[in-house]
Protein backbone atom coordinates (compact mmCIF):
# COMPACT_ATOMS: atom_id res chain seq x y z
CA UNK A 1 0.00 0.00 0.00
CA UNK A 2 2.81 2.40 0.92
CA UNK A 3 4.57 1.82 -2.40
CA UNK A 4 1.34 2.41 -4.31
CA UNK A 5 0.50 5.68 -2.54
CA UNK A 6 4.07 6.98 -2.89
CA UNK A 7 4.52 6.35 -6.59
CA UNK A 8 0.92 7.02 -7.68
CA UNK A 9 0.92 10.41 -5.95
CA UNK A 10 4.37 11.22 -7.39
CA UNK A 11 3.41 10.45 -11.01
CA UNK A 12 -0.03 12.03 -10.63
CA UNK A 13 1.57 15.30 -9.53
CA UNK A 14 4.06 15.16 -12.40
CA UNK A 15 1.29 14.55 -14.95
CA UNK A 16 -0.58 17.67 -13.90
CA UNK A 17 2.55 19.75 -14.36
CA UNK A 18 3.91 20.06 -10.82
CA UNK A 19 7.73 20.52 -10.87
CA UNK A 20 9.66 17.33 -10.15
CA UNK A 21 11.25 18.61 -6.92
CA UNK A 22 7.84 19.61 -5.52
CA UNK A 23 6.30 16.33 -6.70
CA UNK A 24 8.96 14.35 -4.83
CA UNK A 25 8.47 16.26 -1.59
CA UNK A 26 4.66 16.33 -1.81
CA UNK A 27 4.45 12.60 -2.62
CA UNK A 28 6.59 11.79 0.40
CA UNK A 29 4.42 14.09 2.56
CA UNK A 30 1.14 12.53 1.34
CA UNK A 31 2.47 9.02 1.94
CA UNK A 32 3.63 9.89 5.45
CA UNK A 33 0.17 11.23 6.32
CA UNK A 34 -1.83 8.37 4.78
CA UNK A 35 0.33 5.29 5.26
CA UNK A 36 2.94 5.80 8.02
CA UNK A 37 3.25 6.88 11.64
CA UNK A 38 6.30 9.07 10.98
CA UNK A 39 6.50 12.66 12.22
CA UNK A 40 5.83 15.16 9.45
CA UNK A 41 8.82 17.20 10.57
CA UNK A 42 11.15 14.35 9.62
CA UNK A 43 10.72 15.03 5.89
CA UNK A 44 11.78 18.66 6.40
CA UNK A 45 14.72 17.57 8.54
CA UNK A 46 15.86 15.11 5.89
CA UNK A 47 15.54 17.70 3.11
CA UNK A 48 17.60 20.22 5.08
CA UNK A 49 20.27 17.97 6.61
CA UNK A 50 20.84 16.15 3.30
CA UNK A 51 22.52 19.28 1.96
CA UNK A 52 25.04 19.38 4.83
CA UNK A 53 27.60 17.34 2.90
CA UNK A 54 31.15 18.23 1.93
CA UNK A 55 31.02 15.84 -1.05
CA UNK A 56 27.80 17.43 -2.28
CA UNK A 57 29.55 20.80 -2.48
CA UNK A 58 31.37 19.49 -5.57
CA UNK A 59 28.19 19.79 -7.63
CA UNK A 60 27.65 23.59 -7.51
CA UNK A 61 31.40 24.10 -7.85
CA UNK A 62 31.66 21.96 -10.99
CA UNK A 63 28.62 23.75 -12.44
CA UNK A 64 30.31 27.10 -11.79
CA UNK A 65 33.57 25.82 -13.29
CA UNK A 66 31.72 24.68 -16.42
CA UNK A 67 30.07 28.09 -16.90
CA UNK A 68 33.37 29.91 -16.31
CA UNK A 69 35.08 27.74 -18.92
CA UNK A 70 32.28 28.13 -21.44
CA UNK A 71 32.27 31.93 -21.10
CA UNK A 72 36.05 32.22 -20.75
CA UNK A 73 37.03 30.86 -24.16
CA UNK A 74 37.85 27.27 -23.20
CA UNK A 75 35.17 25.67 -25.38
CA UNK A 76 36.21 27.73 -28.41
CA UNK A 77 39.80 26.46 -28.18
CA UNK A 78 38.74 22.85 -27.67
CA UNK A 79 36.53 23.14 -30.75
CA UNK A 80 39.45 24.47 -32.80
CA UNK A 81 41.57 21.49 -31.76
CA UNK A 82 38.77 19.04 -32.61
CA UNK A 83 38.27 20.64 -36.05
CA UNK A 84 41.98 20.32 -36.85
CA UNK A 85 42.08 16.67 -35.77
CA UNK A 86 38.96 15.39 -37.56
CA UNK A 87 37.68 18.21 -39.80
CA UNK A 88 39.19 16.61 -42.92
CA UNK A 89 36.81 13.62 -42.64
CA UNK A 90 33.38 13.31 -44.23
CA UNK A 91 31.05 14.90 -41.68
CA UNK A 92 34.10 16.34 -39.95
CA UNK A 93 32.16 19.11 -38.22
CA UNK A 94 29.75 16.58 -36.67
CA UNK A 95 32.61 14.29 -35.62
CA UNK A 96 34.47 17.33 -34.29
CA UNK A 97 31.40 18.25 -32.24
CA UNK A 98 31.49 14.84 -30.56
CA UNK A 99 35.25 15.08 -29.95
CA UNK A 100 34.98 18.61 -28.56
CA UNK A 101 32.14 17.44 -26.29
CA UNK A 102 34.41 14.68 -24.98
CA UNK A 103 37.09 17.26 -24.22
CA UNK A 104 34.59 19.55 -22.52
CA UNK A 105 33.05 16.61 -20.62
CA UNK A 106 36.41 16.15 -18.93
CA UNK A 107 35.96 19.66 -17.55
CA UNK A 108 32.30 20.40 -16.83
CA UNK A 109 30.69 17.19 -15.48
CA UNK A 110 27.31 18.34 -16.84
CA UNK A 111 25.38 17.29 -19.95
CA UNK A 112 23.38 20.51 -20.51
CA UNK A 113 26.49 22.65 -19.88
CA UNK A 114 28.36 20.69 -22.54
CA UNK A 115 25.53 21.13 -25.05
CA UNK A 116 25.32 24.86 -24.35
CA UNK A 117 29.08 25.42 -24.57
CA UNK A 118 29.68 23.37 -27.72
CA UNK A 119 26.32 23.84 -29.44
CA UNK A 120 26.47 27.63 -29.36
CA UNK A 121 29.37 27.39 -31.86
CA UNK A 122 28.89 24.14 -33.75
CA UNK A 123 25.20 24.03 -34.59
CA UNK A 124 25.43 27.29 -36.53
CA UNK A 125 28.72 26.19 -38.15
CA UNK A 126 27.15 22.92 -39.37
CA UNK A 127 24.08 24.75 -40.61
CA UNK A 128 26.25 27.10 -42.71
CA UNK A 129 28.09 24.12 -44.23
CA UNK A 130 24.84 22.53 -45.43
CA UNK A 131 24.13 20.03 -42.64
CA UNK A 132 20.46 19.51 -41.81
CA UNK A 133 19.77 21.59 -38.72
CA UNK A 134 17.93 18.72 -37.02
CA UNK A 135 21.00 16.49 -37.50
CA UNK A 136 23.31 19.20 -36.16
CA UNK A 137 21.14 19.58 -33.05
CA UNK A 138 20.89 15.79 -32.61
CA UNK A 139 24.68 15.36 -32.77
CA UNK A 140 25.20 18.11 -30.20
CA UNK A 141 22.49 16.84 -27.83
CA UNK A 142 23.69 13.23 -27.91
CA UNK A 143 27.35 14.23 -27.58
CA UNK A 144 26.44 16.34 -24.56
CA UNK A 145 25.32 13.16 -22.78
CA UNK A 146 28.98 12.16 -22.57
CA UNK A 147 29.34 15.05 -20.11
CA UNK A 148 27.92 12.87 -17.32
CA UNK A 149 30.01 9.81 -18.15
CA UNK A 150 33.58 11.01 -18.72
CA UNK A 151 34.91 12.32 -15.38
CA UNK A 152 34.31 14.55 -13.58
CA UNK A 153 30.60 13.67 -13.53
CA UNK A 154 27.94 15.20 -11.31
CA UNK A 155 25.71 12.06 -11.41
CA UNK A 156 28.74 9.94 -10.43
CA UNK A 157 29.21 12.21 -7.41
CA UNK A 158 25.58 11.67 -6.40
CA UNK A 159 25.79 7.89 -6.93
CA UNK A 160 28.94 7.78 -4.81
CA UNK A 161 27.31 9.77 -1.99
CA UNK A 162 24.05 7.79 -1.96
CA UNK A 163 25.56 4.35 -2.62
CA UNK A 164 28.61 4.73 -0.41
CA UNK A 165 30.93 4.07 -3.37
CA UNK A 166 34.30 5.75 -3.97
CA UNK A 167 33.74 8.80 -6.18
CA UNK A 168 37.34 8.64 -7.40
CA UNK A 169 36.89 5.03 -8.50
CA UNK A 170 33.65 5.92 -10.28
CA UNK A 171 35.45 8.72 -12.13
CA UNK A 172 38.11 6.26 -13.28
CA UNK A 173 35.49 3.70 -14.29
CA UNK A 174 33.73 6.21 -16.54
CA UNK A 175 36.75 6.91 -18.76
CA UNK A 176 36.64 3.89 -21.12
CA UNK A 177 32.79 3.74 -21.38
CA UNK A 178 32.73 7.49 -22.12
CA UNK A 179 35.33 7.10 -24.87
CA UNK A 180 33.43 4.12 -26.35
CA UNK A 181 30.16 6.06 -26.45
CA UNK A 182 31.98 8.98 -28.06
CA UNK A 183 33.45 6.69 -30.73
CA UNK A 184 30.02 5.15 -31.37
CA UNK A 185 28.50 8.61 -31.87
CA UNK A 186 31.35 9.50 -34.25
CA UNK A 187 30.66 6.36 -36.32
CA UNK A 188 26.96 7.25 -36.55
CA UNK A 189 27.87 10.84 -37.49
CA UNK A 190 30.16 9.59 -40.25
CA UNK A 191 27.51 7.18 -41.57
CA UNK A 192 24.77 9.83 -41.70
CA UNK A 193 27.17 12.37 -43.24
CA UNK A 194 28.22 9.84 -45.90
CA UNK A 195 24.60 9.03 -46.70
CA UNK A 196 23.65 12.72 -47.04
CA UNK A 197 26.88 13.80 -48.79
CA UNK A 198 27.78 16.32 -46.12
CA UNK A 199 31.02 18.14 -46.93
CA UNK A 200 34.48 17.70 -45.52
CA UNK A 201 35.88 20.69 -43.67
CA UNK A 202 39.53 21.24 -44.50
CA UNK A 203 42.39 19.00 -45.54
CA UNK A 204 44.37 16.37 -43.67
CA UNK A 205 46.30 18.25 -40.95
CA UNK A 206 50.06 18.46 -41.02
CA UNK A 207 52.16 17.85 -37.93
CA UNK A 208 52.60 21.61 -37.55
CA UNK A 209 48.84 22.18 -37.78
CA UNK A 210 48.29 19.77 -34.90
CA UNK A 211 51.06 21.38 -32.85
CA UNK A 212 49.59 24.84 -33.40
CA UNK A 213 46.11 23.64 -32.37
CA UNK A 214 47.53 21.95 -29.29
CA UNK A 215 49.42 25.10 -28.37
CA UNK A 216 46.25 27.19 -28.89
CA UNK A 217 44.31 24.89 -26.53
CA UNK A 218 47.09 24.00 -24.08
CA UNK A 219 45.69 25.89 -21.10
CA UNK A 220 42.26 24.32 -21.71
CA UNK A 221 43.71 20.81 -21.98
CA UNK A 222 45.48 21.26 -18.65
CA UNK A 223 42.16 21.52 -16.81
CA UNK A 224 41.25 17.79 -16.78
CA UNK A 225 44.88 16.97 -16.00
CA UNK A 226 44.74 19.22 -12.94
CA UNK A 227 41.30 18.00 -11.83
CA UNK A 228 41.82 14.26 -12.29
CA UNK A 229 45.55 14.24 -11.61
CA UNK A 230 44.98 16.05 -8.32
CA UNK A 231 42.31 13.56 -7.24
CA UNK A 232 44.21 10.40 -8.11
CA UNK A 233 47.54 11.65 -6.82
CA UNK A 234 45.90 12.36 -3.47
CA UNK A 235 46.56 16.11 -3.49
CA UNK A 236 42.88 16.92 -3.11
CA UNK A 237 39.41 15.35 -2.93
CA UNK A 238 36.78 15.56 -5.71
CA UNK A 239 35.19 18.53 -3.92
CA UNK A 240 38.50 20.31 -3.56
CA UNK A 241 39.26 19.58 -7.22
CA UNK A 242 36.04 21.37 -8.19
CA UNK A 243 37.15 24.44 -6.24
CA UNK A 244 40.58 24.29 -7.91
CA UNK A 245 38.86 24.03 -11.31
CA UNK A 246 36.86 27.20 -10.55
CA UNK A 247 39.97 29.15 -9.58
CA UNK A 248 41.92 27.90 -12.60
CA UNK A 249 39.05 28.71 -15.00
CA UNK A 250 38.76 32.18 -13.49
CA UNK A 251 42.49 32.87 -13.87
CA UNK A 252 42.82 31.73 -17.49
CA UNK A 253 39.55 33.41 -18.47
CA UNK A 254 40.55 36.75 -16.95
CA UNK A 255 44.29 36.91 -17.44
CA UNK A 256 45.32 34.38 -20.11
CA UNK A 257 42.52 34.26 -22.69
CA UNK A 258 41.15 37.63 -21.47
CA UNK A 259 37.64 36.73 -22.65
CA UNK A 260 36.21 37.15 -19.15
CA UNK A 261 35.75 40.62 -17.78
CA UNK A 262 34.71 41.61 -14.28
CA UNK A 263 31.46 42.87 -15.76
CA UNK A 264 30.91 39.53 -17.51
CA UNK A 265 31.50 37.69 -14.23
CA UNK A 266 28.13 38.91 -12.99
CA UNK A 267 26.43 37.01 -15.82
CA UNK A 268 28.59 33.94 -15.11
CA UNK A 269 27.64 33.81 -11.44
CA UNK A 270 23.99 34.53 -12.23
CA UNK A 271 23.87 31.72 -14.80
CA UNK A 272 25.56 29.23 -12.48
CA UNK A 273 23.22 30.21 -9.64
CA UNK A 274 20.14 29.70 -11.83
CA UNK A 275 21.51 26.29 -12.82
CA UNK A 276 22.40 25.33 -9.23
CA UNK A 277 19.19 26.27 -7.44
CA UNK A 278 16.91 23.70 -9.17
CA UNK A 279 19.58 21.00 -8.79
CA UNK A 280 19.97 21.59 -5.04
CA UNK A 281 16.20 21.69 -4.47
CA UNK A 282 15.78 18.45 -6.43
CA UNK A 283 18.56 16.77 -4.44
CA UNK A 284 17.08 17.75 -1.07
CA UNK A 285 13.57 16.49 -1.85
CA UNK A 286 14.92 13.42 -3.66
CA UNK A 287 16.79 12.41 -0.51
CA UNK A 288 13.59 12.88 1.53
CA UNK A 289 11.81 10.64 -0.96
CA UNK A 290 14.59 8.05 -0.76
CA UNK A 291 14.53 8.25 3.05
CA UNK A 292 10.88 7.27 3.08
CA UNK A 293 11.64 4.38 0.72
CA UNK A 294 14.31 3.06 3.06
CA UNK A 295 12.21 3.47 6.22
CA UNK A 296 9.43 1.41 4.64
CA UNK A 297 11.95 -1.21 3.39
CA UNK A 298 10.74 -0.69 -0.16
CA UNK A 299 14.22 -1.26 -1.70
CA UNK A 300 14.49 -4.77 -0.25
CA UNK A 301 10.96 -5.60 -1.42
CA UNK A 302 11.71 -4.50 -4.97
CA UNK A 303 15.09 -6.28 -4.86
CA UNK A 304 13.40 -9.54 -3.93
CA UNK A 305 10.89 -9.07 -6.75
CA UNK A 306 13.57 -8.48 -9.40
CA UNK A 307 15.82 -11.34 -8.23
CA UNK A 308 12.71 -13.52 -8.20
CA UNK A 309 12.42 -13.01 -11.96
CA UNK A 310 16.00 -14.06 -12.61
CA UNK A 311 19.23 -14.41 -10.63
CA UNK A 312 21.34 -14.30 -13.79
CA UNK A 313 23.49 -11.15 -13.66
CA UNK A 314 23.22 -10.32 -17.38
CA UNK A 315 19.44 -10.86 -17.52
CA UNK A 316 19.01 -8.75 -14.38
CA UNK A 317 21.13 -5.93 -15.78
CA UNK A 318 19.23 -5.96 -19.07
CA UNK A 319 15.95 -5.69 -17.14
CA UNK A 320 17.36 -2.81 -15.11
CA UNK A 321 18.62 -1.18 -18.33
CA UNK A 322 15.12 -1.25 -19.85
CA UNK A 323 13.69 0.13 -16.63
CA UNK A 324 16.25 2.96 -16.39
CA UNK A 325 15.68 4.06 -20.00
CA UNK A 326 11.96 4.46 -19.28
CA UNK A 327 12.68 6.23 -15.97
CA UNK A 328 15.12 8.60 -17.71
CA UNK A 329 12.34 9.75 -20.01
CA UNK A 330 10.27 11.09 -17.10
CA UNK A 331 12.62 11.81 -14.17
CA UNK A 332 15.76 13.95 -14.25
CA UNK A 333 19.07 12.17 -13.73
CA UNK A 334 19.90 13.53 -10.27
CA UNK A 335 16.48 12.56 -8.85
CA UNK A 336 16.67 9.13 -10.48
CA UNK A 337 20.12 8.48 -9.02
CA UNK A 338 19.08 9.50 -5.50
CA UNK A 339 15.79 7.57 -5.57
CA UNK A 340 16.85 4.43 -7.43
CA UNK A 341 20.38 3.79 -6.14
CA UNK A 342 19.14 2.47 -2.74
CA UNK A 343 16.66 0.26 -4.64
CA UNK A 344 18.76 -1.09 -7.50
CA UNK A 345 22.26 -1.27 -6.00
CA UNK A 346 21.26 -4.10 -3.60
CA UNK A 347 19.76 -5.95 -6.57
CA UNK A 348 22.99 -5.61 -8.53
CA UNK A 349 25.09 -6.74 -5.58
CA UNK A 350 22.77 -9.70 -4.97
CA UNK A 351 23.52 -11.07 -8.46
CA UNK A 352 27.25 -10.41 -8.18
CA UNK A 353 27.62 -7.05 -9.97
CA UNK A 354 30.45 -4.84 -8.72
CA UNK A 355 28.99 -1.55 -7.31
CA UNK A 356 31.40 0.54 -9.41
CA UNK A 357 30.45 -1.37 -12.58
CA UNK A 358 26.78 -0.94 -11.73
CA UNK A 359 27.26 2.80 -11.18
CA UNK A 360 28.68 3.17 -14.69
CA UNK A 361 25.82 1.16 -16.21
CA UNK A 362 23.23 3.19 -14.31
CA UNK A 363 24.63 6.59 -15.31
CA UNK A 364 25.13 5.52 -18.95
CA UNK A 365 21.48 4.45 -19.11
CA UNK A 366 20.22 7.62 -17.47
CA UNK A 367 22.40 9.65 -19.84
CA UNK A 368 20.05 8.55 -22.64
CA UNK A 369 17.29 10.35 -20.74
CA UNK A 370 19.03 13.63 -21.56
CA UNK A 371 17.97 13.24 -25.21
CA UNK A 372 14.59 11.50 -24.94
CA UNK A 373 11.31 13.43 -24.66
CA UNK A 374 9.39 14.51 -22.70
CA UNK A 375 12.12 15.49 -20.21
CA UNK A 376 15.32 15.44 -22.31
CA UNK A 377 17.22 18.48 -21.06
CA UNK A 378 19.95 18.24 -23.72
CA UNK A 379 17.24 17.94 -26.35
CA UNK A 380 15.57 21.16 -25.24
CA UNK A 381 18.88 23.05 -24.97
CA UNK A 382 19.85 21.96 -28.51
CA UNK A 383 16.38 22.88 -29.79
CA UNK A 384 16.65 26.33 -28.20
CA UNK A 385 20.07 26.96 -29.78
CA UNK A 386 19.13 25.60 -33.22
CA UNK A 387 15.54 26.98 -33.31
CA UNK A 388 14.56 23.56 -34.69
CA UNK A 389 11.41 21.58 -33.85
CA UNK A 390 11.71 18.99 -31.07
CA UNK A 391 9.98 16.39 -33.26
CA UNK A 392 12.57 16.68 -36.04
CA UNK A 393 15.50 16.54 -33.64
CA UNK A 394 13.97 13.50 -31.90
CA UNK A 395 13.78 11.61 -35.20
CA UNK A 396 17.38 12.52 -36.00
CA UNK A 397 18.42 11.25 -32.56
CA UNK A 398 17.23 7.66 -33.12
CA UNK A 399 20.49 6.25 -34.60
CA UNK A 400 22.51 7.96 -31.86
CA UNK A 401 20.33 6.46 -29.12
CA UNK A 402 20.66 3.00 -30.71
CA UNK A 403 24.45 3.41 -30.78
CA UNK A 404 24.49 4.34 -27.08
CA UNK A 405 22.37 1.30 -26.23
CA UNK A 406 24.73 -1.00 -28.12
CA UNK A 407 27.69 0.35 -26.12
CA UNK A 408 25.78 -0.08 -22.84
CA UNK A 409 25.10 -3.73 -23.65
CA UNK A 410 28.81 -4.22 -24.43
CA UNK A 411 29.69 -2.61 -21.07
CA UNK A 412 27.28 -4.98 -19.31
CA UNK A 413 28.78 -8.02 -21.04
CA UNK A 414 32.41 -6.95 -20.47
CA UNK A 415 32.75 -5.57 -16.90
CA UNK A 416 36.50 -5.03 -17.33
CA UNK A 417 35.72 -2.04 -19.59
CA UNK A 418 34.57 -0.25 -16.44
CA UNK A 419 36.76 -1.91 -13.84
CA UNK A 420 40.14 -2.10 -15.59
CA UNK A 421 41.39 1.42 -14.84
CA UNK A 422 40.13 1.49 -11.19
CA UNK A 423 41.76 -1.89 -10.53
CA UNK A 424 44.97 -0.68 -12.20
CA UNK A 425 45.10 2.44 -10.02
CA UNK A 426 44.26 0.52 -6.86
């Protein structure tokens, strides 16, 4: 009964247009009143105390770092490097968009931030070169999903906090899957470009061309080295690395690239604040929702149900994959991670799945939700930039989504793709 009231009230509120954060909190409140003997004040206490976390501080800091880098000229230099490296290929601008998104993903940790930073340049550039605008937006939106897989990743931070898993190990585990998804999106981009006779952009680069592009982007390329190198060398924690990233982005934007001004900083801080506030509210109410789930022992009930269907690890993970893809269409990634990790992680562990491997699978699946309607944030950001209809972009996204699913299945079947680098470092 408790499960029914909780989830029915949550989805009913969402269907009538109530914001997700409010729906989570209200559903928990309704369930407490109708089906439990818990004090109503406990939901407020959970929402407030959940934010008192040093690890959680990494999220607003990485969001700020991403905005600083986007406004400070970092994305422009990464794009130039990507164009030099792959622009000579058929569909080079589309492939370069994916490559630049992979570079930027190693800086921002956010899917929408990656789409905004890269799409603001590349969608217009592809349109001018004769690419269909829907395809240009689809490439950018799908490539932006890599932003939550290649470290640093905000959803990985949340999974680590909620699941009690090492955030550093999760970051390491996301490297190979993120690269594989990027390569898959490049292959699809090349295939579509070949089919539609999209132009090449430039000639095969000389050694000096590559050196010049690397020199142009050297300060940008140092950012992931500083962030990840600092974490894995033990100099600072993931949260401290986010603060270092903010300071570094501020310095190179103001004094090296000189594309940030003190007047422009107001817009940067305003934008990052507007991005942070909904995320923090969602996290607080999501944790209240998850708290009620745990109190009522709902995770163990669902775990028993899923393992009752099959105890085979691969079958179980494929069932969870299908479930997460549907969830990602209706619930934002942060909320889904907070709510579902306590439910699904015990299921994965019960069938012998390593928690780090499961974290990668979960985030990769939820990353697809960034480009699927009705809640695909990357989809809406790309549509806003391109001024293209959501329906056309959604159709153009189908081959990219299929490619991502194929890679996820490969990751499920070959756990070492996720676990090799963490085991090597350990």
